C-alpha atoms as a PDB file:
ATOM      1  CA  MET A   1     -51.031 -23.916 130.190  1.00  0.00           C
ATOM      2  CA  ASN A   2     -49.576 -26.752 128.058  1.00  0.00           C
ATOM      3  CA  ARG A   3     -49.670 -24.463 125.034  1.00  0.00           C
ATOM      4  CA  ILE A   4     -47.720 -21.825 126.944  1.00  0.00           C
ATOM      5  CA  LEU A   5     -45.101 -24.353 127.998  1.00  0.00           C
ATOM      6  CA  ARG A   6     -44.704 -25.607 124.411  1.00  0.00           C
ATOM      7  CA  THR A   7     -44.346 -21.999 123.178  1.00  0.00           C
ATOM      8  CA  VAL A   8     -41.630 -21.291 125.721  1.00  0.00           C
ATOM      9  CA  SER A   9     -39.884 -24.569 124.887  1.00  0.00           C
ATOM     10  CA  PHE A  10     -40.019 -23.859 121.159  1.00  0.00           C
ATOM     11  CA  ALA A  11     -38.663 -20.325 121.724  1.00  0.00           C
ATOM     12  CA  LYS A  12     -35.689 -21.704 123.624  1.00  0.00           C
ATOM     13  CA  SER A  13     -34.929 -24.231 120.858  1.00  0.00           C
ATOM     14  CA  THR A  14     -34.837 -21.568 118.124  1.00  0.00           C
ATOM     15  CA  VAL A  15     -32.384 -19.217 119.875  1.00  0.00           C
ATOM     16  CA  ALA A  16     -29.390 -21.018 118.385  1.00  0.00           C
ATOM     17  CA  PHE A  17     -30.565 -20.623 114.797  1.00  0.00           C
ATOM     18  CA  THR A  18     -31.268 -16.943 114.156  1.00  0.00           C
ATOM     19  CA  THR A  19     -31.430 -13.613 115.895  1.00  0.00           C
ATOM     20  CA  GLN A  20     -34.937 -13.190 114.553  1.00  0.00           C
ATOM     21  CA  GLY A  21     -35.860 -16.511 116.096  1.00  0.00           C
ATOM     22  CA  GLN A  22     -34.346 -15.307 119.327  1.00  0.00           C
ATOM     23  CA  ALA A  23     -36.493 -12.197 119.211  1.00  0.00           C
ATOM     24  CA  HIS A  24     -39.561 -14.286 118.493  1.00  0.00           C
ATOM     25  CA  ALA A  25     -38.693 -16.564 121.378  1.00  0.00           C
ATOM     26  CA  LYS A  26     -38.285 -13.639 123.770  1.00  0.00           C
ATOM     27  CA  THR A  27     -41.581 -12.184 122.593  1.00  0.00           C
ATOM     28  CA  ALA A  28     -43.337 -15.539 122.991  1.00  0.00           C
ATOM     29  CA  ALA A  29     -41.830 -16.020 126.426  1.00  0.00           C
ATOM     30  CA  LYS A  30     -42.885 -12.540 127.442  1.00  0.00           C
ATOM     31  CA  ARG A  31     -46.425 -13.169 126.218  1.00  0.00           C
ATOM     32  CA  ALA A  32     -46.491 -16.485 128.037  1.00  0.00           C
ATOM     33  CA  LYS A  33     -45.356 -14.761 131.228  1.00  0.00           C
ATOM     34  CA  VAL A  34     -48.029 -12.093 130.859  1.00  0.00           C
ATOM     35  CA  ALA A  35     -50.679 -14.727 130.161  1.00  0.00           C
ATOM     36  CA  ALA A  36     -49.591 -16.743 133.184  1.00  0.00           C
ATOM     37  CA  SER A  37     -49.631 -13.614 135.355  1.00  0.00           C
ATOM     38  CA  GLU A  38     -53.122 -12.673 134.169  1.00  0.00           C
ATOM     39  CA  LYS A  39     -54.359 -16.190 134.840  1.00  0.00           C
ATOM     40  CA  GLN A  40     -52.861 -16.093 138.335  1.00  0.00           C
ATOM     41  CA  GLN A  41     -54.516 -12.740 139.057  1.00  0.00           C
ATOM     42  CA  HIS A  42     -57.849 -14.039 137.811  1.00  0.00           C
ATOM     43  CA  THR A  43     -57.592 -17.174 139.915  1.00  0.00           C
ATOM     44  CA  GLY A  44     -56.476 -15.167 142.918  1.00  0.00           C
ATOM     45  CA  SER A  45     -59.434 -12.858 142.485  1.00  0.00           C
ATOM     46  CA  LYS A  46     -61.817 -15.799 142.492  1.00  0.00           C
ATOM     47  CA  SER A  47     -60.148 -17.286 145.567  1.00  0.00           C
ATOM     48  CA  LYS A  48     -60.389 -14.000 147.391  1.00  0.00           C
ATOM     49  CA  SER A  49     -64.075 -13.766 146.554  1.00  0.00           C
ATOM     50  CA  LYS A  50     -64.668 -17.239 147.948  1.00  0.00           C
ATOM     51  CA  VAL A  51     -62.705 -16.477 151.091  1.00  0.00           C
ATOM     52  CA  THR A  52     -64.535 -13.203 151.532  1.00  0.00           C
ATOM     53  CA  ALA A  53     -67.874 -14.933 151.036  1.00  0.00           C
ATOM     54  CA  ALA A  54     -66.920 -17.675 153.467  1.00  0.00           C
ATOM     55  CA  SER A  55     -65.704 -15.083 155.941  1.00  0.00           C
ATOM     56  CA  ALA A  56     -68.925 -13.127 155.580  1.00  0.00           C
ATOM     57  CA  ALA A  57     -70.959 -16.282 156.073  1.00  0.00           C
ATOM     58  CA  THR A  58     -68.978 -17.130 159.196  1.00  0.00           C
ATOM     59  CA  THR A  59     -69.405 -13.616 160.542  1.00  0.00           C
ATOM     60  CA  THR A  60     -73.137 -13.688 159.843  1.00  0.00           C
ATOM     61  CA  SER A  61     -73.446 -17.093 161.462  1.00  0.00           C
ATOM     62  CA  SER A  62     -71.517 -15.837 164.464  1.00  0.00           C
ATOM     63  CA  LYS A  63     -73.825 -12.852 164.807  1.00  0.00           C
ATOM     64  CA  VAL A  64     -76.917 -15.040 164.601  1.00  0.00           C
ATOM     65  CA  SER A  65     -75.600 -17.492 167.184  1.00  0.00           C
ATOM     66  CA  ALA A  66     -74.692 -14.593 169.457  1.00  0.00           C
ATOM     67  CA  LYS A  67     -78.276 -13.348 169.464  1.00  0.00           C
ATOM     68  CA  GLU A  68     -80.629 -14.357 172.204  1.00  0.00           C
ATOM     69  CA  ILE A  69     -82.458 -17.516 171.233  1.00  0.00           C
ATOM     70  CA  PRO A  70     -86.169 -16.697 170.986  1.00  0.00           C
ATOM     71  CA  GLY A  71     -88.068 -18.030 173.975  1.00  0.00           C
ATOM     72  CA  PRO A  72     -91.681 -19.130 174.340  1.00  0.00           C
ATOM     73  CA  GLN A  73     -94.196 -16.726 172.840  1.00  0.00           C
ATOM     74  CA  ASN A  74     -97.822 -15.707 173.076  1.00  0.00           C
ATOM     75  CA  ASP A  75    -100.178 -16.440 170.189  1.00  0.00           C
ATOM     76  CA  ASP A  76     -99.573 -12.949 168.790  1.00  0.00           C
ATOM     77  CA  GLY A  77     -95.810 -13.509 168.698  1.00  0.00           C
ATOM     78  CA  SER A  78     -95.008 -11.324 171.699  1.00  0.00           C
ATOM     79  CA  ARG A  79     -92.675 -12.674 174.351  1.00  0.00           C
ATOM     80  CA  ILE A  80     -93.935 -14.489 177.420  1.00  0.00           C
ATOM     81  CA  ARG A  81     -94.265 -12.163 180.437  1.00  0.00           C
ATOM     82  CA  VAL A  82     -95.754 -14.600 182.945  1.00  0.00           C
ATOM     83  CA  TRP A  83     -94.083 -17.614 184.564  1.00  0.00           C
ATOM     84  CA  LEU A  84     -95.238 -20.404 186.829  1.00  0.00           C
ATOM     85  CA  MET A  85     -92.603 -21.216 189.432  1.00  0.00           C
ATOM     86  CA  LYS A  86     -92.863 -24.203 191.746  1.00  0.00           C
ATOM     87  CA  SER A  87     -91.674 -24.493 195.299  1.00  0.00           C
ATOM     88  CA  GLU A  88     -92.227 -27.139 197.946  1.00  0.00           C
ATOM     89  CA  PRO A  89     -93.718 -25.337 200.958  1.00  0.00           C
ATOM     90  CA  ALA A  90     -91.722 -27.566 203.319  1.00  0.00           C
ATOM     91  CA  ALA A  91     -88.586 -25.998 201.807  1.00  0.00           C
ATOM     92  CA  PHE A  92     -89.832 -22.521 200.870  1.00  0.00           C
ATOM     93  CA  SER A  93     -93.461 -21.424 200.943  1.00  0.00           C
ATOM     94  CA  MET A  94     -95.328 -18.306 199.928  1.00  0.00           C
ATOM     95  CA  ASP A  95     -95.255 -17.243 203.588  1.00  0.00           C
ATOM     96  CA  ASP A  96     -91.480 -17.657 203.596  1.00  0.00           C
ATOM     97  CA  LEU A  97     -91.326 -15.282 200.629  1.00  0.00           C
ATOM     98  CA  ILE A  98     -93.519 -12.776 202.459  1.00  0.00           C
ATOM     99  CA  ASN A  99     -91.288 -12.951 205.539  1.00  0.00           C
ATOM    100  CA  SER A 100     -88.047 -12.582 203.560  1.00  0.00           C
ATOM    101  CA  LYS A 101     -86.255  -9.231 203.584  1.00  0.00           C
ATOM    102  CA  ASP A 102     -88.251  -6.873 201.361  1.00  0.00           C
ATOM    103  CA  SER A 103     -90.436  -9.928 200.647  1.00  0.00           C
ATOM    104  CA  THR A 104     -87.797 -10.863 198.090  1.00  0.00           C
ATOM    105  CA  THR A 105     -85.631 -13.919 197.537  1.00  0.00           C
ATOM    106  CA  HIS A 106     -83.222 -15.334 194.989  1.00  0.00           C
ATOM    107  CA  TRP A 107     -84.716 -18.348 193.222  1.00  0.00           C
ATOM    108  CA  ASP A 108     -81.799 -20.721 193.642  1.00  0.00           C
ATOM    109  CA  GLY A 109     -81.418 -24.468 193.309  1.00  0.00           C
ATOM    110  CA  VAL A 110     -82.839 -24.934 189.821  1.00  0.00           C
ATOM    111  CA  ARG A 111     -80.922 -27.853 188.329  1.00  0.00           C
ATOM    112  CA  ASN A 112     -82.852 -28.521 185.158  1.00  0.00           C
ATOM    113  CA  HIS A 113     -81.274 -27.010 182.040  1.00  0.00           C
ATOM    114  CA  GLU A 114     -84.569 -26.145 180.357  1.00  0.00           C
ATOM    115  CA  ALA A 115     -85.842 -24.342 183.444  1.00  0.00           C
ATOM    116  CA  LYS A 116     -82.453 -22.665 183.902  1.00  0.00           C
ATOM    117  CA  ASN A 117     -82.448 -21.410 180.321  1.00  0.00           C
ATOM    118  CA  LEU A 118     -85.889 -19.868 180.745  1.00  0.00           C
ATOM    119  CA  MET A 119     -84.619 -17.910 183.747  1.00  0.00           C
ATOM    120  CA  LYS A 120     -81.297 -17.042 182.172  1.00  0.00           C
ATOM    121  CA  ASN A 121     -82.459 -16.050 178.681  1.00  0.00           C
ATOM    122  CA  ASN A 122     -86.082 -15.016 178.897  1.00  0.00           C
ATOM    123  CA  MET A 123     -87.133 -13.659 182.288  1.00  0.00           C
ATOM    124  CA  LYS A 124     -87.181  -9.872 182.531  1.00  0.00           C
ATOM    125  CA  ILE A 125     -87.687  -7.419 185.368  1.00  0.00           C
ATOM    126  CA  GLY A 126     -91.404  -6.819 185.860  1.00  0.00           C
ATOM    127  CA  ASP A 127     -92.499 -10.227 184.564  1.00  0.00           C
ATOM    128  CA  ARG A 128     -95.262 -11.759 186.687  1.00  0.00           C
ATOM    129  CA  VAL A 129     -95.019 -15.061 188.520  1.00  0.00           C
ATOM    130  CA  LEU A 130     -97.643 -17.606 189.511  1.00  0.00           C
ATOM    131  CA  PHE A 131     -96.316 -19.019 192.778  1.00  0.00           C
ATOM    132  CA  TYR A 132     -97.123 -22.727 192.862  1.00  0.00           C
ATOM    133  CA  HIS A 133     -96.936 -25.054 195.867  1.00  0.00           C
ATOM    134  CA  SER A 134     -95.792 -28.515 194.777  1.00  0.00           C
ATOM    135  CA  ASN A 135     -95.363 -31.872 196.515  1.00  0.00           C
ATOM    136  CA  VAL A 136     -98.260 -31.302 198.901  1.00  0.00           C
ATOM    137  CA  LYS A 137    -101.629 -32.974 199.357  1.00  0.00           C
ATOM    138  CA  GLU A 138    -103.320 -30.394 197.141  1.00  0.00           C
ATOM    139  CA  PRO A 139    -100.754 -28.716 194.869  1.00  0.00           C
ATOM    140  CA  GLY A 140    -101.802 -25.481 193.275  1.00  0.00           C
ATOM    141  CA  ILE A 141    -101.276 -21.786 192.616  1.00  0.00           C
ATOM    142  CA  VAL A 142    -101.284 -19.878 195.894  1.00  0.00           C
ATOM    143  CA  GLY A 143    -100.154 -16.376 195.002  1.00  0.00           C
ATOM    144  CA  LEU A 144     -98.520 -13.848 192.699  1.00  0.00           C
ATOM    145  CA  ALA A 145     -94.977 -12.512 192.591  1.00  0.00           C
ATOM    146  CA  LYS A 146     -92.768 -10.627 190.142  1.00  0.00           C
ATOM    147  CA  ILE A 147     -89.218 -10.701 188.802  1.00  0.00           C
ATOM    148  CA  VAL A 148     -87.152  -7.885 190.308  1.00  0.00           C
ATOM    149  CA  ARG A 149     -83.673  -8.937 189.203  1.00  0.00           C
ATOM    150  CA  GLU A 150     -82.673 -10.717 186.013  1.00  0.00           C
ATOM    151  CA  SER A 151     -80.456 -13.809 185.880  1.00  0.00           C
ATOM    152  CA  TYR A 152     -77.095 -14.035 187.601  1.00  0.00           C
ATOM    153  CA  PRO A 153     -74.952 -17.009 188.723  1.00  0.00           C
ATOM    154  CA  ASP A 154     -76.504 -19.295 191.334  1.00  0.00           C
ATOM    155  CA  HIS A 155     -74.012 -19.131 194.210  1.00  0.00           C
ATOM    156  CA  THR A 156     -75.318 -22.322 195.826  1.00  0.00           C
ATOM    157  CA  ALA A 157     -73.634 -24.268 193.006  1.00  0.00           C
ATOM    158  CA  PHE A 158     -70.239 -23.065 194.313  1.00  0.00           C
ATOM    159  CA  ASP A 159     -70.911 -23.982 197.946  1.00  0.00           C
ATOM    160  CA  SER A 160     -69.628 -27.473 198.754  1.00  0.00           C
ATOM    161  CA  LYS A 161     -71.882 -27.551 201.827  1.00  0.00           C
ATOM    162  CA  SER A 162     -75.018 -26.799 199.805  1.00  0.00           C
ATOM    163  CA  HIS A 163     -77.461 -29.454 198.674  1.00  0.00           C
ATOM    164  CA  TYR A 164     -77.225 -27.799 195.248  1.00  0.00           C
ATOM    165  CA  TYR A 165     -73.428 -27.897 194.973  1.00  0.00           C
ATOM    166  CA  ASP A 166     -72.140 -28.714 191.484  1.00  0.00           C
ATOM    167  CA  THR A 167     -68.465 -29.531 190.962  1.00  0.00           C
ATOM    168  CA  LYS A 168     -68.760 -28.602 187.272  1.00  0.00           C
ATOM    169  CA  SER A 169     -69.889 -25.053 188.055  1.00  0.00           C
ATOM    170  CA  SER A 170     -67.447 -22.315 189.031  1.00  0.00           C
ATOM    171  CA  LYS A 171     -67.442 -18.548 189.460  1.00  0.00           C
ATOM    172  CA  ASP A 172     -65.360 -18.223 186.308  1.00  0.00           C
ATOM    173  CA  ASP A 173     -67.616 -20.559 184.361  1.00  0.00           C
ATOM    174  CA  PRO A 174     -71.035 -20.725 186.077  1.00  0.00           C
ATOM    175  CA  ARG A 175     -73.369 -23.481 185.004  1.00  0.00           C
ATOM    176  CA  TRP A 176     -76.521 -22.478 186.887  1.00  0.00           C
ATOM    177  CA  PHE A 177     -78.370 -19.183 187.204  1.00  0.00           C
ATOM    178  CA  MET A 178     -81.122 -17.646 189.290  1.00  0.00           C
ATOM    179  CA  VAL A 179     -83.388 -14.600 189.424  1.00  0.00           C
ATOM    180  CA  ASP A 180     -84.796 -12.532 192.270  1.00  0.00           C
ATOM    181  CA  VAL A 181     -88.503 -12.838 192.987  1.00  0.00           C
ATOM    182  CA  GLN A 182     -90.642 -10.469 195.055  1.00  0.00           C
ATOM    183  CA  PHE A 183     -94.025 -11.150 196.653  1.00  0.00           C
ATOM    184  CA  SER A 184     -97.044  -9.386 195.127  1.00  0.00           C
ATOM    185  CA  ARG A 185    -100.117 -10.890 196.788  1.00  0.00           C
ATOM    186  CA  LYS A 186    -101.802 -14.087 197.847  1.00  0.00           C
ATOM    187  CA  LEU A 187    -104.694 -15.361 195.783  1.00  0.00           C
ATOM    188  CA  LYS A 188    -108.148 -15.154 197.297  1.00  0.00           C
ATOM    189  CA  ARG A 189    -108.213 -18.935 197.156  1.00  0.00           C
ATOM    190  CA  VAL A 190    -105.843 -21.681 196.080  1.00  0.00           C
ATOM    191  CA  LEU A 191    -106.282 -22.742 192.475  1.00  0.00           C
ATOM    192  CA  THR A 192    -105.614 -26.447 192.823  1.00  0.00           C
ATOM    193  CA  LEU A 193    -104.123 -28.641 190.139  1.00  0.00           C
ATOM    194  CA  ASN A 194    -107.302 -30.734 190.179  1.00  0.00           C
ATOM    195  CA  GLU A 195    -109.374 -27.673 189.359  1.00  0.00           C
ATOM    196  CA  LEU A 196    -107.054 -26.540 186.592  1.00  0.00           C
ATOM    197  CA  GLN A 197    -107.131 -30.005 185.033  1.00  0.00           C
ATOM    198  CA  GLN A 198    -110.850 -29.584 184.414  1.00  0.00           C
ATOM    199  CA  TYR A 199    -109.871 -27.194 181.605  1.00  0.00           C
ATOM    200  CA  LYS A 200    -107.019 -29.197 180.069  1.00  0.00           C
ATOM    201  CA  ASP A 201    -109.128 -29.988 177.004  1.00  0.00           C
ATOM    202  CA  LYS A 202    -110.610 -26.498 176.800  1.00  0.00           C
ATOM    203  CA  GLU A 203    -109.202 -23.092 177.727  1.00  0.00           C
ATOM    204  CA  LEU A 204    -105.987 -24.503 179.218  1.00  0.00           C
ATOM    205  CA  SER A 205    -105.359 -27.193 176.600  1.00  0.00           C
ATOM    206  CA  ARG A 206    -101.838 -25.929 175.892  1.00  0.00           C
ATOM    207  CA  MET A 207    -100.824 -24.895 179.404  1.00  0.00           C
ATOM    208  CA  MET A 208     -97.485 -26.524 180.163  1.00  0.00           C
ATOM    209  CA  LEU A 209     -98.470 -27.269 183.755  1.00  0.00           C
ATOM    210  CA  LEU A 210    -101.105 -29.688 182.470  1.00  0.00           C
ATOM    211  CA  ARG A 211     -98.889 -31.210 179.754  1.00  0.00           C
ATOM    212  CA  ARG A 212     -95.390 -31.293 181.256  1.00  0.00           C
ATOM    213  CA  GLY A 213     -96.121 -30.731 184.893  1.00  0.00           C
ATOM    214  CA  ARG A 214     -92.756 -31.732 186.337  1.00  0.00           C
ATOM    215  CA  LEU A 215     -90.801 -28.718 185.039  1.00  0.00           C
ATOM    216  CA  SER A 216     -90.230 -26.339 187.955  1.00  0.00           C
ATOM    217  CA  VAL A 217     -90.221 -23.159 185.842  1.00  0.00           C
ATOM    218  CA  GLN A 218     -92.803 -22.840 183.079  1.00  0.00           C
ATOM    219  CA  PRO A 219     -94.028 -20.181 180.647  1.00  0.00           C
ATOM    220  CA  VAL A 220     -97.630 -19.028 180.891  1.00  0.00           C
ATOM    221  CA  THR A 221     -99.301 -17.210 177.993  1.00  0.00           C
ATOM    222  CA  ASP A 222    -101.271 -14.006 178.473  1.00  0.00           C
ATOM    223  CA  ALA A 223    -104.458 -15.867 177.537  1.00  0.00           C
ATOM    224  CA  GLU A 224    -103.773 -18.578 180.116  1.00  0.00           C
ATOM    225  CA  MET A 225    -102.979 -15.974 182.757  1.00  0.00           C
ATOM    226  CA  GLU A 226    -106.229 -14.120 182.072  1.00  0.00           C
ATOM    227  CA  PHE A 227    -108.243 -17.309 182.335  1.00  0.00           C
ATOM    228  CA  VAL A 228    -106.501 -18.431 185.539  1.00  0.00           C
ATOM    229  CA  MET A 229    -107.092 -15.045 187.156  1.00  0.00           C
ATOM    230  CA  GLY A 230    -110.759 -15.358 186.211  1.00  0.00           C
ATOM    231  CA  LEU A 231    -110.929 -18.646 188.082  1.00  0.00           C
ATOM    232  CA  GLU A 232    -109.802 -16.861 191.251  1.00  0.00           C
ATOM    233  CA  GLU A 233    -113.135 -15.050 191.330  1.00  0.00           C
ATOM    234  CA  LYS A 234    -115.120 -18.197 190.656  1.00  0.00           C
ATOM    235  CA  ASP A 235    -117.126 -19.681 193.518  1.00  0.00           C
ATOM    236  CA  VAL A 236    -116.330 -23.374 193.232  1.00  0.00           C
ATOM    237  CA  ASP A 237    -118.694 -24.425 196.017  1.00  0.00           C
ATOM    238  CA  GLN A 238    -121.606 -22.601 194.377  1.00  0.00           C
ATOM    239  CA  ASP A 239    -120.878 -24.341 191.054  1.00  0.00           C
ATOM    240  CA  LYS A 240    -121.056 -27.735 192.767  1.00  0.00           C
ATOM    241  CA  GLU A 241    -124.546 -26.945 194.033  1.00  0.00           C
END
């Protein structure tokens, strides 16, 4: 660029001497202008490429972030299709579910973000549910249910009279979600937590119930579900003999 400026400056200084010098100056100035224009186009082209690349990267990132975040999976990589859902029988028991209209209820009141996200992002219609009675003398799995409606805003968060009211949640910007659950059947016997814990170092070594028991909504793998259902048929009293 300095060379171009010197050429233009020299051309201007020679105009007063000769017509030929003037011609040379005009030619040099013209060449300098062309060179500057070409350089600007080249630089502009590079800038556009960078902007385009940045724009593409942003678009790609936006698309990735917009995708559903993968949830818990089975060992073969397939999505979880079974969930353990806890309820205190004093508040809502398996019998209450049975006696609900169409033996169906909305699973409201979940106020843990991890549990909420499992319901909101990963539960699908037809998924099975292990209905678990918690906060009782002998907590355990008492029956089976299924998901019949996928996530939608938890209306109890909008109700100022509800125990689950949340001032930060609104109909325009809901913070909490719920699903609808329908009764399938009671188990032949209650599978107590104490019994399940006998397998925490064996077949159920990775079951969330035995590792992070306090979460009210938990994923259950197909392998864990198969093993738990096998326990239903087991005669515990006979084993003790």
